[in-house]
């Protein structure tokens, strides 16, 4: 025979099992994350994105080498000389790769496709969606903007990387995950 008392006991027992399963899942995820971090031989394996890891430039040394032997088709050449100098001087790197840059000149001088090509040099193309008012001239520009997945909680517009895990307010800059 069914009674309201039996229904409450069944409900409580079911909720207890759900809580137990959620707790087990959380512990498993945490343990797996710690194991992956402990087994990583390079900190960039933990914090750098796949785009950053395979980008042509992910350090100050690589940047300087690139600037010395810059290809004639380099996306950096889409910026004016003054804008390129400002952009390059704004770049900040750590073990994960690029962690901060100024987008003021990128936004002012480049289309979405040009900006994508430029940021891809550093594996930072995911931040393109965070740049306000990029010029859309062509269907490629539209495709580039619509193909990007927002980098929620990873990158912070209006901030720059000022130290390990420290983003500080700075207009026209982006502090990237891995800072």
Foldseek 3Di string as FASTA:
>chain_A
DDDVVVVVVVVVVVVVVVVVVVVVVVVVVVVVLVVVCVPDPAVLVVWADPLQVPAQAFDPVSVVVCVVVPDPPQLLVQFDPVLSVQFNVQWDHDSNGTFKTFCPRVQVRHAQVSSLRNCSNRSRSLCSLVDPNHHDDDVVSVCSNVVHDHPPPFKDAQWDDPDQVDTDGDHRMMGGTVD
